[in-house]
Amino acid sequence: MVEWQNRPLDAVYPVIFIDAIHVKIRDGQVANRSIYVALAVTCEGRRDILGLWAGDGGEGAEYWLHVLTELKNRGVADVLMVAATG
């Protein structure tokens, strides 16, 4: 999973969808955690899950900054449209 999560990404994606789901995770004790998801459509029209990240608490701008910075560091240079809910 670590190798997949850190793989290089395409430089250009026409569309990236970002969202978070809230789930209960057992890590010693049960706690509500946010799972951040980035899904893209490639230039060839295929779907590509860019990554999944487990946050520490509620959905927040600081963690989204971390996610988007990681995508940039993995090679994403240009996105035509980002779709997000909220």
C-alpha atoms as a PDB file:
ATOM      1  CA  MET A   1       0.000   0.000   0.000  1.00  0.00           C
ATOM      2  CA  VAL A   2       2.846   2.407   0.808  1.00  0.00           C
ATOM      3  CA  GLU A   3       4.395   1.898  -2.630  1.00  0.00           C
ATOM      4  CA  TRP A   4       1.043   2.598  -4.322  1.00  0.00           C
ATOM      5  CA  GLN A   5       0.395   5.657  -2.130  1.00  0.00           C
ATOM      6  CA  ASN A   6       3.794   7.140  -3.034  1.00  0.00           C
ATOM      7  CA  ARG A   7       3.836   6.322  -6.760  1.00  0.00           C
ATOM      8  CA  PRO A   8       4.565   9.127  -9.251  1.00  0.00           C
ATOM      9  CA  LEU A   9       1.470  10.727 -10.780  1.00  0.00           C
ATOM     10  CA  ASP A  10       0.720  12.220 -14.195  1.00  0.00           C
ATOM     11  CA  ALA A  11       1.665  15.859 -14.676  1.00  0.00           C
ATOM     12  CA  VAL A  12      -1.789  16.881 -15.968  1.00  0.00           C
ATOM     13  CA  TYR A  13      -5.294  15.839 -14.929  1.00  0.00           C
ATOM     14  CA  PRO A  14      -8.391  17.424 -16.488  1.00  0.00           C
ATOM     15  CA  VAL A  15     -10.469  16.841 -13.334  1.00  0.00           C
ATOM     16  CA  ILE A  16      -9.704  15.911  -9.731  1.00  0.00           C
ATOM     17  CA  PHE A  17     -12.490  15.126  -7.269  1.00  0.00           C
ATOM     18  CA  ILE A  18     -11.671  15.525  -3.575  1.00  0.00           C
ATOM     19  CA  ASP A  19     -13.836  14.515  -0.654  1.00  0.00           C
ATOM     20  CA  ALA A  20     -13.665  13.051   2.825  1.00  0.00           C
ATOM     21  CA  ILE A  21     -15.755  10.386   4.473  1.00  0.00           C
ATOM     22  CA  HIS A  22     -16.088  10.006   8.214  1.00  0.00           C
ATOM     23  CA  VAL A  23     -15.692   6.528   9.671  1.00  0.00           C
ATOM     24  CA  LYS A  24     -15.100   4.908  13.032  1.00  0.00           C
ATOM     25  CA  ILE A  25     -11.590   3.445  13.258  1.00  0.00           C
ATOM     26  CA  ARG A  26     -10.309   1.228  16.030  1.00  0.00           C
ATOM     27  CA  ASP A  27      -6.750   2.183  16.984  1.00  0.00           C
ATOM     28  CA  GLY A  28      -6.588   1.059  20.584  1.00  0.00           C
ATOM     29  CA  GLN A  29      -9.977   2.688  21.036  1.00  0.00           C
ATOM     30  CA  VAL A  30     -12.780   3.573  18.654  1.00  0.00           C
ATOM     31  CA  ALA A  31     -12.610   7.115  17.282  1.00  0.00           C
ATOM     32  CA  ASN A  32     -14.200   9.066  14.447  1.00  0.00           C
ATOM     33  CA  ARG A  33     -11.654   9.736  11.703  1.00  0.00           C
ATOM     34  CA  SER A  34     -11.795  11.400   8.317  1.00  0.00           C
ATOM     35  CA  ILE A  35     -10.608   9.474   5.271  1.00  0.00           C
ATOM     36  CA  TYR A  36      -9.532  11.911   2.563  1.00  0.00           C
ATOM     37  CA  VAL A  37      -9.908  10.737  -1.044  1.00  0.00           C
ATOM     38  CA  ALA A  38      -8.530  12.196  -4.277  1.00  0.00           C
ATOM     39  CA  LEU A  39      -9.930  10.718  -7.498  1.00  0.00           C
ATOM     40  CA  ALA A  40      -8.890  11.967 -10.930  1.00  0.00           C
ATOM     41  CA  VAL A  41      -9.903  11.592 -14.542  1.00  0.00           C
ATOM     42  CA  THR A  42      -6.846  11.119 -16.749  1.00  0.00           C
ATOM     43  CA  CYS A  43      -6.343  12.778 -20.126  1.00  0.00           C
ATOM     44  CA  GLU A  44      -7.293   9.408 -21.666  1.00  0.00           C
ATOM     45  CA  GLY A  45     -10.621   9.472 -19.793  1.00  0.00           C
ATOM     46  CA  ARG A  46      -9.773   6.794 -17.221  1.00  0.00           C
ATOM     47  CA  ARG A  47     -10.450   7.091 -13.498  1.00  0.00           C
ATOM     48  CA  ASP A  48      -7.445   7.013 -11.185  1.00  0.00           C
ATOM     49  CA  ILE A  49      -7.521   7.021  -7.396  1.00  0.00           C
ATOM     50  CA  LEU A  50      -4.623   9.303  -6.541  1.00  0.00           C
ATOM     51  CA  GLY A  51      -4.600   8.518  -2.856  1.00  0.00           C
ATOM     52  CA  LEU A  52      -6.317   7.844   0.442  1.00  0.00           C
ATOM     53  CA  TRP A  53      -5.288   9.535   3.680  1.00  0.00           C
ATOM     54  CA  ALA A  54      -6.517   8.990   7.243  1.00  0.00           C
ATOM     55  CA  GLY A  55      -6.896  12.305   9.068  1.00  0.00           C
ATOM     56  CA  ASP A  56      -6.806  12.861  12.820  1.00  0.00           C
ATOM     57  CA  GLY A  57     -10.187  14.449  13.435  1.00  0.00           C
ATOM     58  CA  GLY A  58     -12.762  16.375  11.475  1.00  0.00           C
ATOM     59  CA  GLU A  59     -12.359  17.467   7.889  1.00  0.00           C
ATOM     60  CA  GLY A  60     -10.276  20.630   7.723  1.00  0.00           C
ATOM     61  CA  ALA A  61      -8.449  23.021   5.420  1.00  0.00           C
ATOM     62  CA  GLU A  62      -5.041  22.302   6.955  1.00  0.00           C
ATOM     63  CA  TYR A  63      -5.246  18.613   6.137  1.00  0.00           C
ATOM     64  CA  TRP A  64      -6.513  19.343   2.620  1.00  0.00           C
ATOM     65  CA  LEU A  65      -3.435  21.534   2.156  1.00  0.00           C
ATOM     66  CA  HIS A  66      -1.310  18.527   3.183  1.00  0.00           C
ATOM     67  CA  VAL A  67      -3.131  16.280   0.665  1.00  0.00           C
ATOM     68  CA  LEU A  68      -2.845  18.738  -2.228  1.00  0.00           C
ATOM     69  CA  THR A  69       0.816  19.454  -1.450  1.00  0.00           C
ATOM     70  CA  GLU A  70       1.533  15.734  -1.520  1.00  0.00           C
ATOM     71  CA  LEU A  71      -0.138  15.436  -4.936  1.00  0.00           C
ATOM     72  CA  LYS A  72       2.038  18.279  -6.211  1.00  0.00           C
ATOM     73  CA  ASN A  73       5.174  16.657  -4.771  1.00  0.00           C
ATOM     74  CA  ARG A  74       4.261  13.393  -6.524  1.00  0.00           C
ATOM     75  CA  GLY A  75       4.266  15.111  -9.923  1.00  0.00           C
ATOM     76  CA  VAL A  76       0.904  16.803 -10.496  1.00  0.00           C
ATOM     77  CA  ALA A  77       1.679  20.114 -12.189  1.00  0.00           C
ATOM     78  CA  ASP A  78      -1.641  21.186 -13.729  1.00  0.00           C
ATOM     79  CA  VAL A  79      -5.316  20.511 -13.036  1.00  0.00           C
ATOM     80  CA  LEU A  80      -8.056  22.030 -15.166  1.00  0.00           C
ATOM     81  CA  MET A  81     -10.852  21.633 -12.596  1.00  0.00           C
ATOM     82  CA  VAL A  82     -11.084  20.522  -8.966  1.00  0.00           C
ATOM     83  CA  ALA A  83     -14.491  19.405  -7.731  1.00  0.00           C
ATOM     84  CA  ALA A  84     -15.197  19.354  -4.002  1.00  0.00           C
ATOM     85  CA  THR A  85     -18.288  19.202  -1.826  1.00  0.00           C
ATOM     86  CA  GLY A  86     -18.984  21.327   1.175  1.00  0.00           C
END
